[in-house]
Amino acid sequence: MTPQRQVARHRIWHGIPALVMISILAYFCFLEQLLISDMGLHALAISLPFSSVLGLLSSLIASTMVSKVYIWAYASFQFAVVILFAHIFYNVLNVDAVLAVLLSSFTAFGIAISTNSLLVECLRWRARRNHRLGLQQRNAEQQQATANSETQHGQHDQQQEVESQIENSDTLLHG
């Protein structure tokens, strides 16, 4: 492995611990705020392990699913979807706290992964289509150039025939 690849790989993994820590803190604060009003101090007992697992899992998914440029955007999207579904399951549908957190995390991670996969496939399809259109355009230009050169050759041949006929008629007249 070249030194540049080793440095690039180190840089990628250098940002992952920060993402894990920030994700764990964000999930902890969110879960604590969501559950504290109904559960009191028991919210701490639920929030701490779930935030650790969710933060680690979301960071691992983000680091493996997207390129390093989009890791933070993907993790933020994932977090926003988890928040949305946790509120829906816990406050709107009145699902038990543990079940609401589990359902919201599975749903949100599934949506984030599916959205990413769909986006990647759309971008690949677009790139293939643009490549195919470029090839077709180049082929059309080459065919046009070939047709133009054949037309010019045909015109040149016709011109030579006319000139030779004129020469033949001149020699007959003068001959």
Protein backbone atom coordinates (compact mmCIF):
# COMPACT_ATOMS: atom_id res chain seq x y z
CA MET A 1 0.00 0.00 0.00
CA THR A 2 1.38 3.41 -0.94
CA PRO A 3 2.05 5.99 1.78
CA GLN A 4 -0.58 8.32 0.29
CA ARG A 5 -3.28 5.64 0.59
CA GLN A 6 -2.24 4.95 4.18
CA VAL A 7 -2.52 8.65 5.02
CA ALA A 8 -5.92 8.91 3.29
CA ARG A 9 -7.17 5.82 5.12
CA HIS A 10 -5.94 7.26 8.43
CA ARG A 11 -7.74 10.55 7.73
CA ILE A 12 -11.00 8.74 7.08
CA TRP A 13 -10.82 6.81 10.32
CA HIS A 14 -9.57 9.86 12.17
CA GLY A 15 -13.00 11.51 11.88
CA ILE A 16 -15.02 8.42 12.84
CA PRO A 17 -14.37 8.59 16.62
CA ALA A 18 -15.55 12.20 16.61
CA LEU A 19 -18.67 11.17 14.71
CA VAL A 20 -19.30 8.33 17.20
CA MET A 21 -18.95 10.62 20.22
CA ILE A 22 -21.12 13.36 18.77
CA SER A 23 -23.74 10.82 17.68
CA ILE A 24 -23.84 9.22 21.12
CA LEU A 25 -24.25 12.62 22.77
CA ALA A 26 -26.93 13.71 20.30
CA TYR A 27 -28.91 10.49 20.71
CA PHE A 28 -28.56 10.68 24.50
CA CYS A 29 -29.83 14.27 24.65
CA PHE A 30 -32.70 13.48 22.32
CA LEU A 31 -33.78 10.31 24.13
CA GLU A 32 -33.46 11.97 27.52
CA GLN A 33 -35.67 14.87 26.43
CA LEU A 34 -38.17 12.54 24.81
CA LEU A 35 -38.54 10.24 27.81
CA ILE A 36 -37.89 12.45 30.86
CA SER A 37 -41.39 13.88 31.12
CA ASP A 38 -43.08 10.48 31.37
CA MET A 39 -40.40 8.34 33.00
CA GLY A 40 -38.43 10.65 35.28
CA LEU A 41 -35.06 9.19 36.32
CA HIS A 42 -35.82 5.90 34.57
CA ALA A 43 -35.31 7.81 31.31
CA LEU A 44 -31.59 7.92 32.14
CA ALA A 45 -31.49 4.12 32.43
CA ILE A 46 -33.03 3.77 28.97
CA SER A 47 -31.29 6.70 27.28
CA LEU A 48 -27.72 5.81 28.17
CA PRO A 49 -27.48 2.28 26.66
CA PHE A 50 -29.70 3.10 23.70
CA SER A 51 -27.76 6.25 22.86
CA SER A 52 -24.47 4.35 23.00
CA VAL A 53 -25.73 1.61 20.69
CA LEU A 54 -27.54 4.02 18.35
CA GLY A 55 -24.56 6.39 18.15
CA LEU A 56 -22.13 3.59 17.38
CA LEU A 57 -24.46 1.86 14.92
CA SER A 58 -25.38 5.06 13.08
CA SER A 59 -21.72 6.07 12.80
CA LEU A 60 -20.74 2.67 11.43
CA ILE A 61 -23.57 2.74 8.92
CA ALA A 62 -22.68 6.28 7.86
CA SER A 63 -18.98 5.46 7.46
CA THR A 64 -19.65 2.38 5.36
CA MET A 65 -22.56 3.63 3.25
CA VAL A 66 -21.26 6.96 1.96
CA SER A 67 -17.98 8.54 0.93
CA LYS A 68 -16.07 10.54 3.50
CA VAL A 69 -17.29 13.82 2.05
CA TYR A 70 -20.92 13.03 2.89
CA ILE A 71 -20.55 11.19 6.21
CA TRP A 72 -21.74 14.10 8.36
CA ALA A 73 -24.66 14.92 6.08
CA TYR A 74 -25.74 11.27 6.03
CA ALA A 75 -25.41 10.95 9.81
CA SER A 76 -27.45 14.14 10.26
CA PHE A 77 -30.15 12.84 7.94
CA GLN A 78 -30.22 9.56 9.83
CA PHE A 79 -30.50 11.37 13.15
CA ALA A 80 -33.34 13.58 11.89
CA VAL A 81 -35.30 10.57 10.66
CA VAL A 82 -34.77 8.76 13.99
CA ILE A 83 -36.08 11.82 15.83
CA LEU A 84 -39.10 12.07 13.55
CA PHE A 85 -40.10 8.43 13.92
CA ALA A 86 -39.37 8.33 17.65
CA HIS A 87 -41.77 11.21 18.18
CA ILE A 88 -44.36 9.54 15.96
CA PHE A 89 -44.10 6.17 17.73
CA TYR A 90 -43.80 7.48 21.29
CA ASN A 91 -45.99 10.60 21.34
CA VAL A 92 -48.52 10.03 18.56
CA LEU A 93 -48.99 6.25 18.62
CA ASN A 94 -48.24 5.89 22.39
CA VAL A 95 -45.92 2.91 21.92
CA ASP A 96 -43.84 1.79 24.93
CA ALA A 97 -40.56 3.75 25.24
CA VAL A 98 -38.16 0.88 24.55
CA LEU A 99 -40.23 -0.38 21.64
CA ALA A 100 -40.61 3.16 20.26
CA VAL A 101 -36.84 3.66 20.28
CA LEU A 102 -36.21 0.29 18.64
CA LEU A 103 -38.89 0.78 15.98
CA SER A 104 -37.80 4.32 15.21
CA SER A 105 -34.14 3.36 14.89
CA PHE A 106 -34.87 0.36 12.64
CA THR A 107 -37.26 2.40 10.53
CA ALA A 108 -34.95 5.40 10.27
CA PHE A 109 -31.85 3.35 9.47
CA GLY A 110 -33.81 1.44 6.85
CA ILE A 111 -35.08 4.65 5.27
CA ALA A 112 -31.61 6.24 5.31
CA ILE A 113 -29.99 3.16 3.78
CA SER A 114 -32.72 2.81 1.15
CA THR A 115 -32.56 6.50 0.27
CA ASN A 116 -28.79 6.32 -0.10
CA SER A 117 -29.00 3.21 -2.27
CA LEU A 118 -31.67 4.79 -4.44
CA LEU A 119 -29.63 7.96 -4.83
CA VAL A 120 -26.47 6.03 -5.73
CA GLU A 121 -28.33 3.95 -8.32
CA CYS A 122 -29.91 7.08 -9.84
CA LEU A 123 -26.49 8.72 -10.11
CA ARG A 124 -25.01 5.58 -11.69
CA TRP A 125 -27.89 5.39 -14.17
CA ARG A 126 -27.43 9.05 -15.04
CA ALA A 127 -23.69 8.58 -15.57
CA ARG A 128 -24.28 5.52 -17.80
CA ARG A 129 -26.92 7.40 -19.79
CA ASN A 130 -24.66 10.44 -20.25
CA HIS A 131 -21.80 8.17 -21.31
CA ARG A 132 -24.06 6.35 -23.79
CA LEU A 133 -25.38 9.65 -25.19
CA GLY A 134 -21.81 10.92 -25.55
CA LEU A 135 -20.84 7.78 -27.47
CA GLN A 136 -23.88 8.10 -29.71
CA GLN A 137 -23.09 11.75 -30.37
CA ARG A 138 -19.47 10.93 -31.24
CA ASN A 139 -20.60 8.12 -33.55
CA ALA A 140 -23.05 10.47 -35.27
CA GLU A 141 -20.31 13.07 -35.71
CA GLN A 142 -17.96 10.45 -37.15
CA GLN A 143 -20.65 9.21 -39.53
CA GLN A 144 -21.37 12.79 -40.58
CA ALA A 145 -17.67 13.41 -41.17
CA THR A 146 -17.41 10.19 -43.17
CA ALA A 147 -20.47 11.13 -45.23
CA ASN A 148 -19.05 14.62 -45.84
CA SER A 149 -15.73 13.22 -47.00
CA GLU A 150 -17.51 10.72 -49.30
CA THR A 151 -19.63 13.55 -50.70
CA GLN A 152 -16.52 15.63 -51.28
CA HIS A 153 -14.85 12.64 -52.94
CA GLY A 154 -17.91 12.13 -55.14
CA GLN A 155 -17.96 15.80 -56.09
CA HIS A 156 -14.25 15.70 -56.81
CA ASP A 157 -14.71 12.62 -59.01
CA GLN A 158 -17.58 14.31 -60.87
CA GLN A 159 -15.47 17.41 -61.37
CA GLN A 160 -12.60 15.31 -62.76
CA GLU A 161 -15.02 13.56 -65.14
CA VAL A 162 -16.34 16.89 -66.39
CA GLU A 163 -12.79 18.21 -66.83
CA SER A 164 -11.74 15.08 -68.73
CA GLN A 165 -14.83 15.36 -70.95
CA ILE A 166 -13.97 18.98 -71.64
CA GLU A 167 -10.39 18.01 -72.47
CA ASN A 168 -11.65 15.21 -74.73
CA SER A 169 -14.02 17.56 -76.53
CA ASP A 170 -11.21 20.17 -76.84
CA THR A 171 -8.88 17.61 -78.41
CA LEU A 172 -11.62 16.54 -80.81
CA LEU A 173 -12.30 20.12 -81.80
CA HIS A 174 -8.65 21.08 -82.13
CA GLY A 175 -7.40 17.74 -83.24
